[in-house]
Amino acid sequence: KYAENMYYFSELALTLNAPENGTAPTDSRRRPDQRLMESGRWDEANAEKQRLEEKQRLSRKRREAEAARASEDGTPCDPYKPLWFERKKDPVTQELAHVYRGGYWESKEKQDWSLCPDIF
């Protein structure tokens, strides 16, 4: 009922992106461009998406520049690593997969998101 007003998404699809209190500041449901789009503010959403993409590009350029400097200096440089996942070989498929390494639920319980980068 009223599917045309909800972009013809199923009820499940609509609830998957529903905001939830207490999640990490990096949770994709907090994307400001998405929130604006869901409010029907298309022009603002598009401008916000462009801002976020440029912020991501600048962050990546900084990481690449740091890695290049470290390589030139011969100093160790830690590449970007996800906070709560690590790449490991799946024992069954032998393919690389991201495996949860812990920490998220503890951070959520404490509401300590100090390790999270500012991505939005």
C-alpha atoms as a PDB file:
ATOM      1  CA  LYS A   1       0.000   0.000   0.000  1.00  0.00           C
ATOM      2  CA  TYR A   2       1.275   3.491  -0.983  1.00  0.00           C
ATOM      3  CA  ALA A   3       4.396   1.937  -2.564  1.00  0.00           C
ATOM      4  CA  GLU A   4       4.513   4.702  -5.166  1.00  0.00           C
ATOM      5  CA  ASN A   5       5.211   7.169  -2.343  1.00  0.00           C
ATOM      6  CA  MET A   6       8.134   5.066  -1.144  1.00  0.00           C
ATOM      7  CA  TYR A   7       9.991   4.674  -4.460  1.00  0.00           C
ATOM      8  CA  TYR A   8       8.431   1.184  -4.818  1.00  0.00           C
ATOM      9  CA  PHE A   9      10.764  -0.191  -2.148  1.00  0.00           C
ATOM     10  CA  SER A  10       9.575  -3.130  -0.071  1.00  0.00           C
ATOM     11  CA  GLU A  11       8.878  -2.544   3.608  1.00  0.00           C
ATOM     12  CA  LEU A  12      12.079  -4.414   4.444  1.00  0.00           C
ATOM     13  CA  ALA A  13      14.157  -2.244   2.109  1.00  0.00           C
ATOM     14  CA  LEU A  14      12.690   0.904   3.662  1.00  0.00           C
ATOM     15  CA  THR A  15      13.494  -0.172   7.206  1.00  0.00           C
ATOM     16  CA  LEU A  16      17.093  -1.196   6.439  1.00  0.00           C
ATOM     17  CA  ASN A  17      18.139   2.446   6.195  1.00  0.00           C
ATOM     18  CA  ALA A  18      16.102   3.666   9.175  1.00  0.00           C
ATOM     19  CA  PRO A  19      18.212   5.701  11.608  1.00  0.00           C
ATOM     20  CA  GLU A  20      19.175   3.995  14.862  1.00  0.00           C
ATOM     21  CA  ASN A  21      20.374   5.743  18.006  1.00  0.00           C
ATOM     22  CA  GLY A  22      23.789   4.895  19.401  1.00  0.00           C
ATOM     23  CA  THR A  23      25.452   3.726  16.198  1.00  0.00           C
ATOM     24  CA  ALA A  24      28.962   4.695  15.130  1.00  0.00           C
ATOM     25  CA  PRO A  25      29.360   8.100  13.489  1.00  0.00           C
ATOM     26  CA  THR A  26      30.613   6.201  10.421  1.00  0.00           C
ATOM     27  CA  ASP A  27      27.378   4.190  10.086  1.00  0.00           C
ATOM     28  CA  SER A  28      26.101   4.597   6.528  1.00  0.00           C
ATOM     29  CA  ARG A  29      22.628   5.373   7.852  1.00  0.00           C
ATOM     30  CA  ARG A  30      24.055   8.692   9.054  1.00  0.00           C
ATOM     31  CA  ARG A  31      25.012   9.818   5.555  1.00  0.00           C
ATOM     32  CA  PRO A  32      23.714  13.372   5.326  1.00  0.00           C
ATOM     33  CA  ASP A  33      23.151  13.168   1.563  1.00  0.00           C
ATOM     34  CA  GLN A  34      20.982  10.111   2.023  1.00  0.00           C
ATOM     35  CA  ARG A  35      18.934  11.736   4.776  1.00  0.00           C
ATOM     36  CA  LEU A  36      18.358  14.785   2.535  1.00  0.00           C
ATOM     37  CA  MET A  37      17.328  12.570  -0.387  1.00  0.00           C
ATOM     38  CA  GLU A  38      14.868  10.678   1.777  1.00  0.00           C
ATOM     39  CA  SER A  39      13.344  14.008   2.789  1.00  0.00           C
ATOM     40  CA  GLY A  40      12.839  14.852  -0.877  1.00  0.00           C
ATOM     41  CA  ARG A  41      15.457  17.633  -0.832  1.00  0.00           C
ATOM     42  CA  TRP A  42      17.123  16.482  -4.059  1.00  0.00           C
ATOM     43  CA  ASP A  43      19.233  19.548  -4.881  1.00  0.00           C
ATOM     44  CA  GLU A  44      20.658  19.725  -1.366  1.00  0.00           C
ATOM     45  CA  ALA A  45      21.257  15.964  -1.383  1.00  0.00           C
ATOM     46  CA  ASN A  46      23.183  16.184  -4.640  1.00  0.00           C
ATOM     47  CA  ALA A  47      25.328  19.060  -3.358  1.00  0.00           C
ATOM     48  CA  GLU A  48      26.008  17.157  -0.143  1.00  0.00           C
ATOM     49  CA  LYS A  49      26.960  14.032  -2.076  1.00  0.00           C
ATOM     50  CA  GLN A  50      29.454  16.059  -4.106  1.00  0.00           C
ATOM     51  CA  ARG A  51      30.929  17.480  -0.877  1.00  0.00           C
ATOM     52  CA  LEU A  52      31.293  13.999   0.640  1.00  0.00           C
ATOM     53  CA  GLU A  53      32.931  12.602  -2.481  1.00  0.00           C
ATOM     54  CA  GLU A  54      35.445  15.449  -2.561  1.00  0.00           C
ATOM     55  CA  LYS A  55      36.197  14.893   1.126  1.00  0.00           C
ATOM     56  CA  GLN A  56      36.854  11.204   0.373  1.00  0.00           C
ATOM     57  CA  ARG A  57      39.148  12.098  -2.527  1.00  0.00           C
ATOM     58  CA  LEU A  58      41.178  14.481  -0.351  1.00  0.00           C
ATOM     59  CA  SER A  59      41.487  11.890   2.401  1.00  0.00           C
ATOM     60  CA  ARG A  60      42.751   9.295  -0.052  1.00  0.00           C
ATOM     61  CA  LYS A  61      45.249  11.755  -1.570  1.00  0.00           C
ATOM     62  CA  ARG A  62      46.602  12.519   1.928  1.00  0.00           C
ATOM     63  CA  ARG A  63      47.026   8.795   2.684  1.00  0.00           C
ATOM     64  CA  GLU A  64      48.763   8.231  -0.652  1.00  0.00           C
ATOM     65  CA  ALA A  65      51.076  11.221  -0.079  1.00  0.00           C
ATOM     66  CA  GLU A  66      51.978   9.953   3.405  1.00  0.00           C
ATOM     67  CA  ALA A  67      52.740   6.507   1.986  1.00  0.00           C
ATOM     68  CA  ALA A  68      54.899   8.022  -0.763  1.00  0.00           C
ATOM     69  CA  ARG A  69      56.854  10.151   1.750  1.00  0.00           C
ATOM     70  CA  ALA A  70      57.352   7.156   4.015  1.00  0.00           C
ATOM     71  CA  SER A  71      58.553   5.083   1.083  1.00  0.00           C
ATOM     72  CA  GLU A  72      61.077   7.769   0.112  1.00  0.00           C
ATOM     73  CA  ASP A  73      62.305   8.145   3.704  1.00  0.00           C
ATOM     74  CA  GLY A  74      62.376   4.416   4.289  1.00  0.00           C
ATOM     75  CA  THR A  75      60.145   4.795   7.333  1.00  0.00           C
ATOM     76  CA  PRO A  76      57.287   2.405   8.032  1.00  0.00           C
ATOM     77  CA  CYS A  77      53.808   3.565   7.083  1.00  0.00           C
ATOM     78  CA  ASP A  78      50.658   1.788   8.110  1.00  0.00           C
ATOM     79  CA  PRO A  79      48.229   1.603   5.204  1.00  0.00           C
ATOM     80  CA  TYR A  80      44.583   2.308   5.828  1.00  0.00           C
ATOM     81  CA  LYS A  81      42.966  -0.455   7.835  1.00  0.00           C
ATOM     82  CA  PRO A  82      39.296  -0.869   8.651  1.00  0.00           C
ATOM     83  CA  LEU A  83      38.531  -0.530  12.366  1.00  0.00           C
ATOM     84  CA  TRP A  84      36.536  -3.682  12.928  1.00  0.00           C
ATOM     85  CA  PHE A  85      37.466  -5.977  10.044  1.00  0.00           C
ATOM     86  CA  GLU A  86      40.604  -7.569   8.652  1.00  0.00           C
ATOM     87  CA  ARG A  87      41.297  -9.310   5.365  1.00  0.00           C
ATOM     88  CA  LYS A  88      41.884 -13.014   5.737  1.00  0.00           C
ATOM     89  CA  LYS A  89      41.822 -15.995   3.453  1.00  0.00           C
ATOM     90  CA  ASP A  90      38.558 -17.896   3.736  1.00  0.00           C
ATOM     91  CA  PRO A  91      39.441 -21.474   4.717  1.00  0.00           C
ATOM     92  CA  VAL A  92      36.728 -22.925   2.485  1.00  0.00           C
ATOM     93  CA  THR A  93      36.872 -20.780  -0.652  1.00  0.00           C
ATOM     94  CA  GLN A  94      40.530 -19.716  -0.316  1.00  0.00           C
ATOM     95  CA  GLU A  95      39.456 -16.192  -1.300  1.00  0.00           C
ATOM     96  CA  LEU A  96      40.271 -13.042   0.653  1.00  0.00           C
ATOM     97  CA  ALA A  97      37.360 -11.880   2.774  1.00  0.00           C
ATOM     98  CA  HIS A  98      36.773  -9.199   5.400  1.00  0.00           C
ATOM     99  CA  VAL A  99      36.373 -10.905   8.766  1.00  0.00           C
ATOM    100  CA  TYR A 100      35.097  -9.158  11.888  1.00  0.00           C
ATOM    101  CA  ARG A 101      37.917  -8.782  14.409  1.00  0.00           C
ATOM    102  CA  GLY A 102      35.952  -7.303  17.290  1.00  0.00           C
ATOM    103  CA  GLY A 103      35.560  -3.980  19.030  1.00  0.00           C
ATOM    104  CA  TYR A 104      32.395  -2.556  17.492  1.00  0.00           C
ATOM    105  CA  TRP A 105      29.929  -3.896  20.034  1.00  0.00           C
ATOM    106  CA  GLU A 106      32.203  -2.892  22.910  1.00  0.00           C
ATOM    107  CA  SER A 107      32.481   0.640  21.508  1.00  0.00           C
ATOM    108  CA  LYS A 108      28.720   0.765  21.030  1.00  0.00           C
ATOM    109  CA  GLU A 109      28.084  -0.373  24.589  1.00  0.00           C
ATOM    110  CA  LYS A 110      30.449   2.306  25.958  1.00  0.00           C
ATOM    111  CA  GLN A 111      29.390   4.844  23.318  1.00  0.00           C
ATOM    112  CA  ASP A 112      33.095   5.467  22.755  1.00  0.00           C
ATOM    113  CA  TRP A 113      33.589   6.266  19.088  1.00  0.00           C
ATOM    114  CA  SER A 114      36.944   8.010  19.511  1.00  0.00           C
ATOM    115  CA  LEU A 115      38.631   5.652  17.020  1.00  0.00           C
ATOM    116  CA  CYS A 116      36.173   6.509  14.243  1.00  0.00           C
ATOM    117  CA  PRO A 117      37.384   8.879  11.526  1.00  0.00           C
ATOM    118  CA  ASP A 118      35.330  11.910  10.510  1.00  0.00           C
ATOM    119  CA  ILE A 119      33.960  10.699   7.185  1.00  0.00           C
ATOM    120  CA  PHE A 120      30.824  12.813   6.890  1.00  0.00           C
END
